[in-house]
Amino acid sequence: MADYNSTTEILNISHMIFQNLNDSVTSQNVSNITEAVSNLPTSSKVILIIMYTFISTAAIIGNSIAITIFVRGKRSRTELRAFLTNLAVADLIMAIFCIPFTFSYQLIGEWVFSPPMCPVVIFLQYMAVTASVFTNMAIGIDRFFAVAYPLRKRLTTSKSKFVIIAIWTFAVGINSVQLLIGRTKEHLDGKLHCSESWPEPKREFRQSYSLFVLFLTYFLPLCILSVTYSIIGRILWKRNVPGNSDETRDALQIKSKRKVRMNFILNF
C-alpha cells in the first residue's frame, strides 16, 4: 500500500508540474507544487529526478537529431521541411529552458539560479510555446491548401522563411512583457521565488493580458486547426480513385482512408 501511495503521489505531482510548464508561474502554483514535492520521501524524489532527466535528455537529443536531418538530409527536402525544422527548434528551446529550470525550481522549492535568469527563462518558455503553436497552425493551413487546392501554386521555400520569421517576431513581441514583469522575490520563508510581478498601477492588466495570450495561443489555433483538419478529412474521405471499380483496389482505398483519418486524429 505504501508503494502504491508513493507512486500515486509521484504521478499526481508529475501532472501538476507538466501542467505548470505552460502556465504562468504564479506564487500559488509554486507553493502548491513545492509543498507536494517536499512531502515526498527521498526515494520518490530520486524517481522524479530520473524521470525528468530522461525526458529532458531525450527531448534535447531527439530534436537535435531532427534538426540535423531536416537541414542536411537530402531525402527530407519536402515543402514542410522549413516548418518541421522550426517546430524542432521551438521544442528544443522548451527542452533546454523549460523542463530543467522548472523542475529544479519545484524540486528545491526556491530559485537557485541568478536573478536575471528568472525573466529570461519565463520569456523563453512562453516564446517557445507560442512559436510551436503557430508553427503547427501554419502546417495545418498548408496541408489544407495542399489537399483542397492541389493544382494551386504551393508555398515556396523563400515564402516559408518569411512565415517563420513572422512567427518568431510575433512570439518575441507578444511575450517580451515577461522580460519586464518576471522578477525574483524573497518570501516570508526566506526563500527566493521566481514569478510574474506586475507593478501596482498595472495589475488590472494582468488578467486582460493572460486572456489575450490564451486566446491567441490556444483558442484561435484550436479553431483554425479544427476547421482545416475537418475539411481535409472530409475531402480525403469522399475522394475516389478514377477508373473502373475494383474490389481489391477499393478495399485498399478504404483502408488507406481510415489510416489517414486516424493519423489526423492522433496528430491533432
C-alpha atoms as a PDB file:
ATOM      1  CA  MET A   1       0.000   0.000   0.000  1.00  0.00           C
ATOM      2  CA  ALA A   2       2.901   2.351   0.765  1.00  0.00           C
ATOM      3  CA  ASP A   3       4.425   1.785  -2.653  1.00  0.00           C
ATOM      4  CA  TYR A   4       1.058   2.366  -4.326  1.00  0.00           C
ATOM      5  CA  ASN A   5       0.510   5.647  -2.450  1.00  0.00           C
ATOM      6  CA  SER A   6       4.026   6.807  -3.279  1.00  0.00           C
ATOM      7  CA  THR A   7       3.544   6.023  -6.961  1.00  0.00           C
ATOM      8  CA  THR A   8       0.195   7.808  -6.970  1.00  0.00           C
ATOM      9  CA  GLU A   9       1.761  10.891  -5.391  1.00  0.00           C
ATOM     10  CA  ILE A  10       4.534  10.915  -7.998  1.00  0.00           C
ATOM     11  CA  LEU A  11       2.023  10.694 -10.850  1.00  0.00           C
ATOM     12  CA  ASN A  12      -0.106  13.484  -9.379  1.00  0.00           C
ATOM     13  CA  ILE A  13       2.904  15.749  -8.867  1.00  0.00           C
ATOM     14  CA  SER A  14       4.215  14.953 -12.342  1.00  0.00           C
ATOM     15  CA  HIS A  15       0.868  16.032 -13.777  1.00  0.00           C
ATOM     16  CA  MET A  16       0.964  19.232 -11.730  1.00  0.00           C
ATOM     17  CA  ILE A  17       4.494  20.066 -12.890  1.00  0.00           C
ATOM     18  CA  PHE A  18       3.782  19.383 -16.567  1.00  0.00           C
ATOM     19  CA  GLN A  19       0.606  21.456 -16.314  1.00  0.00           C
ATOM     20  CA  ASN A  20       2.623  24.250 -14.781  1.00  0.00           C
ATOM     21  CA  LEU A  21       5.262  24.150 -17.545  1.00  0.00           C
ATOM     22  CA  ASN A  22       2.974  26.024 -19.936  1.00  0.00           C
ATOM     23  CA  ASP A  23       1.203  28.144 -17.311  1.00  0.00           C
ATOM     24  CA  SER A  24       2.328  31.375 -15.749  1.00  0.00           C
ATOM     25  CA  VAL A  25       4.458  30.709 -12.672  1.00  0.00           C
ATOM     26  CA  THR A  26       2.224  32.184 -10.011  1.00  0.00           C
ATOM     27  CA  SER A  27       3.007  32.141  -6.303  1.00  0.00           C
ATOM     28  CA  GLN A  28       0.049  29.861  -5.614  1.00  0.00           C
ATOM     29  CA  ASN A  29       1.161  27.298  -8.217  1.00  0.00           C
ATOM     30  CA  VAL A  30       4.698  27.334  -6.876  1.00  0.00           C
ATOM     31  CA  SER A  31       3.653  26.931  -3.250  1.00  0.00           C
ATOM     32  CA  ASN A  32       1.225  24.097  -4.027  1.00  0.00           C
ATOM     33  CA  ILE A  33       3.700  22.084  -6.083  1.00  0.00           C
ATOM     34  CA  THR A  34       6.626  22.832  -3.759  1.00  0.00           C
ATOM     35  CA  GLU A  35       4.624  21.682  -0.754  1.00  0.00           C
ATOM     36  CA  ALA A  36       3.592  18.489  -2.555  1.00  0.00           C
ATOM     37  CA  VAL A  37       7.164  17.728  -3.604  1.00  0.00           C
ATOM     38  CA  SER A  38       8.580  18.472  -0.154  1.00  0.00           C
ATOM     39  CA  ASN A  39       6.224  15.902   1.384  1.00  0.00           C
ATOM     40  CA  LEU A  40       7.565  13.124  -0.843  1.00  0.00           C
ATOM     41  CA  PRO A  41      10.098  10.692   0.603  1.00  0.00           C
ATOM     42  CA  THR A  42      13.668  10.791  -0.689  1.00  0.00           C
ATOM     43  CA  SER A  43      13.181   7.657  -2.800  1.00  0.00           C
ATOM     44  CA  SER A  44      10.248   9.260  -4.607  1.00  0.00           C
ATOM     45  CA  LYS A  45      12.269  12.406  -5.265  1.00  0.00           C
ATOM     46  CA  VAL A  46      15.024  10.279  -6.779  1.00  0.00           C
ATOM     47  CA  ILE A  47      12.464   8.656  -9.096  1.00  0.00           C
ATOM     48  CA  LEU A  48      11.203  12.082 -10.171  1.00  0.00           C
ATOM     49  CA  ILE A  49      14.751  13.272 -10.854  1.00  0.00           C
ATOM     50  CA  ILE A  50      15.448  10.210 -13.008  1.00  0.00           C
ATOM     51  CA  MET A  51      12.138  10.620 -14.892  1.00  0.00           C
ATOM     52  CA  TYR A  52      12.602  14.278 -15.752  1.00  0.00           C
ATOM     53  CA  THR A  53      16.312  13.876 -16.518  1.00  0.00           C
ATOM     54  CA  PHE A  54      15.412  11.184 -19.028  1.00  0.00           C
ATOM     55  CA  ILE A  55      12.608  13.302 -20.531  1.00  0.00           C
ATOM     56  CA  SER A  56      14.830  16.374 -20.866  1.00  0.00           C
ATOM     57  CA  THR A  57      17.754  14.411 -22.323  1.00  0.00           C
ATOM     58  CA  ALA A  58      15.533  12.548 -24.788  1.00  0.00           C
ATOM     59  CA  ALA A  59      13.896  15.802 -25.915  1.00  0.00           C
ATOM     60  CA  ILE A  60      17.237  17.543 -26.455  1.00  0.00           C
ATOM     61  CA  ILE A  61      18.819  14.626 -28.323  1.00  0.00           C
ATOM     62  CA  GLY A  62      15.710  13.829 -30.358  1.00  0.00           C
ATOM     63  CA  ASN A  63      15.097  17.403 -31.517  1.00  0.00           C
ATOM     64  CA  SER A  64      18.806  17.950 -32.239  1.00  0.00           C
ATOM     65  CA  ILE A  65      18.814  14.857 -34.472  1.00  0.00           C
ATOM     66  CA  ALA A  66      15.606  16.031 -36.169  1.00  0.00           C
ATOM     67  CA  ILE A  67      17.103  19.462 -36.911  1.00  0.00           C
ATOM     68  CA  THR A  68      20.278  17.853 -38.328  1.00  0.00           C
ATOM     69  CA  ILE A  69      18.266  15.521 -40.563  1.00  0.00           C
ATOM     70  CA  PHE A  70      15.969  18.274 -41.864  1.00  0.00           C
ATOM     71  CA  VAL A  71      18.874  20.634 -42.566  1.00  0.00           C
ATOM     72  CA  ARG A  72      21.384  18.199 -44.092  1.00  0.00           C
ATOM     73  CA  GLY A  73      19.314  15.211 -45.171  1.00  0.00           C
ATOM     74  CA  LYS A  74      18.721  15.023 -48.918  1.00  0.00           C
ATOM     75  CA  ARG A  75      15.661  12.801 -48.589  1.00  0.00           C
ATOM     76  CA  SER A  76      13.990  15.234 -46.183  1.00  0.00           C
ATOM     77  CA  ARG A  77      13.776  18.055 -48.735  1.00  0.00           C
ATOM     78  CA  THR A  78       9.992  18.420 -48.657  1.00  0.00           C
ATOM     79  CA  GLU A  79       7.849  21.529 -48.717  1.00  0.00           C
ATOM     80  CA  LEU A  80       7.284  21.143 -44.961  1.00  0.00           C
ATOM     81  CA  ARG A  81      10.969  20.898 -44.091  1.00  0.00           C
ATOM     82  CA  ALA A  82      11.235  24.542 -43.005  1.00  0.00           C
ATOM     83  CA  PHE A  83       8.186  24.274 -40.734  1.00  0.00           C
ATOM     84  CA  LEU A  84       9.281  20.939 -39.240  1.00  0.00           C
ATOM     85  CA  THR A  85      12.748  22.348 -38.558  1.00  0.00           C
ATOM     86  CA  ASN A  86      11.190  25.390 -36.922  1.00  0.00           C
ATOM     87  CA  LEU A  87       8.972  23.145 -34.806  1.00  0.00           C
ATOM     88  CA  ALA A  88      12.002  21.127 -33.677  1.00  0.00           C
ATOM     89  CA  VAL A  89      13.856  24.339 -32.766  1.00  0.00           C
ATOM     90  CA  ALA A  90      10.923  25.532 -30.644  1.00  0.00           C
ATOM     91  CA  ASP A  91      10.698  22.148 -28.915  1.00  0.00           C
ATOM     92  CA  LEU A  92      14.467  22.192 -28.321  1.00  0.00           C
ATOM     93  CA  ILE A  93      14.207  25.580 -26.608  1.00  0.00           C
ATOM     94  CA  MET A  94      11.419  24.164 -24.459  1.00  0.00           C
ATOM     95  CA  ALA A  95      13.540  21.135 -23.551  1.00  0.00           C
ATOM     96  CA  ILE A  96      16.513  23.291 -22.555  1.00  0.00           C
ATOM     97  CA  PHE A  97      14.830  26.201 -20.795  1.00  0.00           C
ATOM     98  CA  CYS A  98      11.572  24.685 -19.531  1.00  0.00           C
ATOM     99  CA  ILE A  99      11.939  21.205 -18.072  1.00  0.00           C
ATOM    100  CA  PRO A 100      15.305  21.570 -16.249  1.00  0.00           C
ATOM    101  CA  PHE A 101      14.669  25.021 -14.779  1.00  0.00           C
ATOM    102  CA  THR A 102      11.017  24.468 -13.868  1.00  0.00           C
ATOM    103  CA  PHE A 103      11.567  21.038 -12.346  1.00  0.00           C
ATOM    104  CA  SER A 104      14.634  22.197 -10.369  1.00  0.00           C
ATOM    105  CA  TYR A 105      12.607  25.123  -9.099  1.00  0.00           C
ATOM    106  CA  GLN A 106       9.768  22.890  -7.947  1.00  0.00           C
ATOM    107  CA  LEU A 107      12.029  20.204  -6.505  1.00  0.00           C
ATOM    108  CA  ILE A 108      14.246  22.523  -4.468  1.00  0.00           C
ATOM    109  CA  GLY A 109      11.442  24.908  -3.558  1.00  0.00           C
ATOM    110  CA  GLU A 110      13.339  28.093  -4.373  1.00  0.00           C
ATOM    111  CA  TRP A 111      15.040  29.868  -7.266  1.00  0.00           C
ATOM    112  CA  VAL A 112      18.719  28.888  -7.019  1.00  0.00           C
ATOM    113  CA  PHE A 113      19.770  30.451 -10.305  1.00  0.00           C
ATOM    114  CA  SER A 114      20.817  34.067 -10.819  1.00  0.00           C
ATOM    115  CA  PRO A 115      18.008  36.670 -10.536  1.00  0.00           C
ATOM    116  CA  PRO A 116      18.438  37.893 -14.151  1.00  0.00           C
ATOM    117  CA  MET A 117      17.778  34.347 -15.348  1.00  0.00           C
ATOM    118  CA  CYS A 118      14.228  34.462 -13.940  1.00  0.00           C
ATOM    119  CA  PRO A 119      12.637  36.765 -16.565  1.00  0.00           C
ATOM    120  CA  VAL A 120      14.799  35.239 -19.317  1.00  0.00           C
ATOM    121  CA  VAL A 121      13.637  31.685 -18.560  1.00  0.00           C
ATOM    122  CA  ILE A 122       9.961  32.710 -18.315  1.00  0.00           C
ATOM    123  CA  PHE A 123      10.247  34.653 -21.588  1.00  0.00           C
ATOM    124  CA  LEU A 124      11.919  31.767 -23.438  1.00  0.00           C
ATOM    125  CA  GLN A 125       9.300  29.307 -22.186  1.00  0.00           C
ATOM    126  CA  TYR A 126       6.387  31.467 -23.370  1.00  0.00           C
ATOM    127  CA  MET A 127       8.131  32.303 -26.635  1.00  0.00           C
ATOM    128  CA  ALA A 128       8.862  28.641 -27.447  1.00  0.00           C
ATOM    129  CA  VAL A 129       5.275  27.601 -26.734  1.00  0.00           C
ATOM    130  CA  THR A 130       3.894  30.417 -28.913  1.00  0.00           C
ATOM    131  CA  ALA A 131       6.267  29.608 -31.785  1.00  0.00           C
ATOM    132  CA  SER A 132       5.440  25.903 -31.564  1.00  0.00           C
ATOM    133  CA  VAL A 133       1.684  26.516 -31.576  1.00  0.00           C
ATOM    134  CA  PHE A 134       1.776  28.877 -34.551  1.00  0.00           C
ATOM    135  CA  THR A 135       4.119  26.586 -36.481  1.00  0.00           C
ATOM    136  CA  ASN A 136       1.609  23.765 -36.043  1.00  0.00           C
ATOM    137  CA  MET A 137      -1.108  26.133 -37.212  1.00  0.00           C
ATOM    138  CA  ALA A 138       0.946  27.057 -40.299  1.00  0.00           C
ATOM    139  CA  ILE A 139       1.453  23.368 -41.082  1.00  0.00           C
ATOM    140  CA  GLY A 140      -2.294  22.737 -40.769  1.00  0.00           C
ATOM    141  CA  ILE A 141      -3.128  25.620 -43.105  1.00  0.00           C
ATOM    142  CA  ASP A 142      -0.505  24.466 -45.620  1.00  0.00           C
ATOM    143  CA  ARG A 143      -1.917  20.920 -45.570  1.00  0.00           C
ATOM    144  CA  PHE A 144      -5.403  22.326 -46.116  1.00  0.00           C
ATOM    145  CA  PHE A 145      -4.383  24.159 -49.294  1.00  0.00           C
ATOM    146  CA  ALA A 146      -2.396  21.125 -50.495  1.00  0.00           C
ATOM    147  CA  VAL A 147      -5.467  18.866 -50.235  1.00  0.00           C
ATOM    148  CA  ALA A 148      -8.258  21.300 -51.080  1.00  0.00           C
ATOM    149  CA  TYR A 149      -6.427  23.028 -53.949  1.00  0.00           C
ATOM    150  CA  PRO A 150      -3.859  20.526 -55.286  1.00  0.00           C
ATOM    151  CA  LEU A 151      -3.296  22.445 -58.555  1.00  0.00           C
ATOM    152  CA  ARG A 152      -2.718  25.748 -56.816  1.00  0.00           C
ATOM    153  CA  LYS A 153       0.838  27.062 -56.532  1.00  0.00           C
ATOM    154  CA  ARG A 154       2.351  25.844 -53.281  1.00  0.00           C
ATOM    155  CA  LEU A 155       4.225  27.814 -50.671  1.00  0.00           C
ATOM    156  CA  THR A 156       7.833  28.158 -51.812  1.00  0.00           C
ATOM    157  CA  THR A 157      10.901  27.852 -49.568  1.00  0.00           C
ATOM    158  CA  SER A 158      11.533  31.597 -49.663  1.00  0.00           C
ATOM    159  CA  LYS A 159       7.951  32.361 -48.651  1.00  0.00           C
ATOM    160  CA  SER A 160       8.145  29.754 -45.891  1.00  0.00           C
ATOM    161  CA  LYS A 161      11.093  31.651 -44.449  1.00  0.00           C
ATOM    162  CA  PHE A 162       9.014  34.825 -44.295  1.00  0.00           C
ATOM    163  CA  VAL A 163       6.244  32.923 -42.497  1.00  0.00           C
ATOM    164  CA  ILE A 164       8.754  31.545 -39.986  1.00  0.00           C
ATOM    165  CA  ILE A 165      10.267  34.992 -39.423  1.00  0.00           C
ATOM    166  CA  ALA A 166       6.757  36.352 -38.838  1.00  0.00           C
ATOM    167  CA  ILE A 167       6.043  33.547 -36.328  1.00  0.00           C
ATOM    168  CA  TRP A 168       9.164  34.267 -34.281  1.00  0.00           C
ATOM    169  CA  THR A 169       8.668  38.035 -34.489  1.00  0.00           C
ATOM    170  CA  PHE A 170       5.151  37.643 -33.166  1.00  0.00           C
ATOM    171  CA  ALA A 171       6.294  35.182 -30.474  1.00  0.00           C
ATOM    172  CA  VAL A 172       9.020  37.545 -29.288  1.00  0.00           C
ATOM    173  CA  GLY A 173       6.764  40.597 -29.414  1.00  0.00           C
ATOM    174  CA  ILE A 174       3.800  39.188 -27.531  1.00  0.00           C
ATOM    175  CA  ASN A 175       5.939  37.565 -24.820  1.00  0.00           C
ATOM    176  CA  SER A 176       8.507  40.340 -24.336  1.00  0.00           C
ATOM    177  CA  VAL A 177       6.270  41.534 -21.493  1.00  0.00           C
ATOM    178  CA  GLN A 178       7.692  38.670 -19.431  1.00  0.00           C
ATOM    179  CA  LEU A 179      11.119  40.333 -19.510  1.00  0.00           C
ATOM    180  CA  LEU A 180       9.581  43.308 -17.703  1.00  0.00           C
ATOM    181  CA  ILE A 181       7.368  41.553 -15.156  1.00  0.00           C
ATOM    182  CA  GLY A 182       9.443  38.435 -14.391  1.00  0.00           C
ATOM    183  CA  ARG A 183      11.126  39.005 -11.057  1.00  0.00           C
ATOM    184  CA  THR A 184      12.637  37.142  -8.127  1.00  0.00           C
ATOM    185  CA  LYS A 185      11.148  37.843  -4.697  1.00  0.00           C
ATOM    186  CA  GLU A 186      12.161  36.752  -1.235  1.00  0.00           C
ATOM    187  CA  HIS A 187       9.145  35.307   0.586  1.00  0.00           C
ATOM    188  CA  LEU A 188       8.487  35.114   4.289  1.00  0.00           C
ATOM    189  CA  ASP A 189      10.144  31.714   4.432  1.00  0.00           C
ATOM    190  CA  GLY A 190      13.415  33.340   3.352  1.00  0.00           C
ATOM    191  CA  LYS A 191      13.450  31.535   0.000  1.00  0.00           C
ATOM    192  CA  LEU A 192      13.822  33.247  -3.343  1.00  0.00           C
ATOM    193  CA  HIS A 193      10.923  32.699  -5.760  1.00  0.00           C
ATOM    194  CA  CYS A 194      10.608  33.491  -9.462  1.00  0.00           C
ATOM    195  CA  SER A 195       7.233  34.666 -10.730  1.00  0.00           C
ATOM    196  CA  GLU A 196       5.364  37.421 -12.537  1.00  0.00           C
ATOM    197  CA  SER A 197       5.443  40.694 -10.615  1.00  0.00           C
ATOM    198  CA  TRP A 198       3.116  43.305 -12.070  1.00  0.00           C
ATOM    199  CA  PRO A 199       3.526  46.929 -10.916  1.00  0.00           C
ATOM    200  CA  GLU A 200       0.753  48.245  -8.688  1.00  0.00           C
ATOM    201  CA  PRO A 201      -0.778  50.656 -11.263  1.00  0.00           C
ATOM    202  CA  LYS A 202      -0.887  47.941 -13.944  1.00  0.00           C
ATOM    203  CA  ARG A 203      -2.066  44.912 -12.004  1.00  0.00           C
ATOM    204  CA  GLU A 204      -5.531  45.198 -13.528  1.00  0.00           C
ATOM    205  CA  PHE A 205      -3.941  44.451 -16.922  1.00  0.00           C
ATOM    206  CA  ARG A 206      -2.680  41.077 -15.729  1.00  0.00           C
ATOM    207  CA  GLN A 207      -5.956  39.250 -16.317  1.00  0.00           C
ATOM    208  CA  SER A 208      -6.536  41.001 -19.645  1.00  0.00           C
ATOM    209  CA  TYR A 209      -3.048  40.082 -20.850  1.00  0.00           C
ATOM    210  CA  SER A 210      -3.463  36.466 -19.741  1.00  0.00           C
ATOM    211  CA  LEU A 211      -6.805  36.178 -21.555  1.00  0.00           C
ATOM    212  CA  PHE A 212      -5.314  37.800 -24.668  1.00  0.00           C
ATOM    213  CA  VAL A 213      -2.407  35.318 -24.728  1.00  0.00           C
ATOM    214  CA  LEU A 214      -4.779  32.422 -24.026  1.00  0.00           C
ATOM    215  CA  PHE A 215      -6.960  33.412 -26.969  1.00  0.00           C
ATOM    216  CA  LEU A 216      -4.066  33.820 -29.406  1.00  0.00           C
ATOM    217  CA  THR A 217      -2.122  30.716 -28.384  1.00  0.00           C
ATOM    218  CA  TYR A 218      -4.971  28.303 -27.614  1.00  0.00           C
ATOM    219  CA  PHE A 219      -8.489  29.153 -28.778  1.00  0.00           C
ATOM    220  CA  LEU A 220      -7.543  30.722 -32.125  1.00  0.00           C
ATOM    221  CA  PRO A 221      -5.202  27.878 -33.205  1.00  0.00           C
ATOM    222  CA  LEU A 222      -7.699  25.319 -31.913  1.00  0.00           C
ATOM    223  CA  CYS A 223     -10.498  26.781 -34.018  1.00  0.00           C
ATOM    224  CA  ILE A 224      -8.359  27.109 -37.155  1.00  0.00           C
ATOM    225  CA  LEU A 225      -6.907  23.596 -36.908  1.00  0.00           C
ATOM    226  CA  SER A 226     -10.313  22.108 -36.118  1.00  0.00           C
ATOM    227  CA  VAL A 227     -11.778  23.646 -39.284  1.00  0.00           C
ATOM    228  CA  THR A 228      -8.816  22.838 -41.558  1.00  0.00           C
ATOM    229  CA  TYR A 229      -8.384  19.236 -40.438  1.00  0.00           C
ATOM    230  CA  SER A 230     -12.131  18.615 -40.554  1.00  0.00           C
ATOM    231  CA  ILE A 231     -12.252  19.816 -44.156  1.00  0.00           C
ATOM    232  CA  ILE A 232      -9.145  17.780 -45.032  1.00  0.00           C
ATOM    233  CA  GLY A 233     -10.649  14.639 -43.527  1.00  0.00           C
ATOM    234  CA  ARG A 234     -13.925  15.183 -45.376  1.00  0.00           C
ATOM    235  CA  ILE A 235     -12.182  15.746 -48.722  1.00  0.00           C
ATOM    236  CA  LEU A 236      -9.961  12.689 -48.358  1.00  0.00           C
ATOM    237  CA  TRP A 237     -12.868  10.514 -47.275  1.00  0.00           C
ATOM    238  CA  LYS A 238     -15.040  11.486 -50.251  1.00  0.00           C
ATOM    239  CA  ARG A 239     -12.265  11.396 -52.840  1.00  0.00           C
ATOM    240  CA  ASN A 240     -12.458   8.379 -55.152  1.00  0.00           C
ATOM    241  CA  VAL A 241      -9.809   6.797 -57.353  1.00  0.00           C
ATOM    242  CA  PRO A 242     -10.566   7.387 -61.055  1.00  0.00           C
ATOM    243  CA  GLY A 243     -11.284   4.420 -63.320  1.00  0.00           C
ATOM    244  CA  ASN A 244     -13.492   1.357 -63.186  1.00  0.00           C
ATOM    245  CA  SER A 245     -14.367  -0.085 -59.810  1.00  0.00           C
ATOM    246  CA  ASP A 246     -12.271  -2.916 -58.458  1.00  0.00           C
ATOM    247  CA  GLU A 247     -12.964  -4.715 -55.165  1.00  0.00           C
ATOM    248  CA  THR A 248      -9.339  -5.154 -54.162  1.00  0.00           C
ATOM    249  CA  ARG A 249      -8.386  -1.615 -55.099  1.00  0.00           C
ATOM    250  CA  ASP A 250     -11.468  -0.127 -53.413  1.00  0.00           C
ATOM    251  CA  ALA A 251     -10.788  -2.126 -50.246  1.00  0.00           C
ATOM    252  CA  LEU A 252      -7.235  -0.793 -50.157  1.00  0.00           C
ATOM    253  CA  GLN A 253      -8.552   2.719 -50.716  1.00  0.00           C
ATOM    254  CA  ILE A 254     -10.981   2.434 -47.800  1.00  0.00           C
ATOM    255  CA  LYS A 255      -8.198   1.068 -45.604  1.00  0.00           C
ATOM    256  CA  SER A 256      -5.944   3.944 -46.660  1.00  0.00           C
ATOM    257  CA  LYS A 257      -8.676   6.489 -45.893  1.00  0.00           C
ATOM    258  CA  ARG A 258      -9.181   5.050 -42.415  1.00  0.00           C
ATOM    259  CA  LYS A 259      -5.459   5.190 -41.813  1.00  0.00           C
ATOM    260  CA  VAL A 260      -5.309   8.819 -42.918  1.00  0.00           C
ATOM    261  CA  ARG A 261      -8.257   9.717 -40.702  1.00  0.00           C
ATOM    262  CA  MET A 262      -6.644   8.048 -37.677  1.00  0.00           C
ATOM    263  CA  ASN A 263      -3.346   9.851 -38.350  1.00  0.00           C
ATOM    264  CA  PHE A 264      -5.154  13.194 -38.426  1.00  0.00           C
ATOM    265  CA  ILE A 265      -6.913  12.397 -35.145  1.00  0.00           C
ATOM    266  CA  LEU A 266      -3.697  11.275 -33.433  1.00  0.00           C
ATOM    267  CA  ASN A 267      -1.629  14.201 -34.734  1.00  0.00           C
ATOM    268  CA  PHE A 268      -4.327  16.695 -33.774  1.00  0.00           C
END
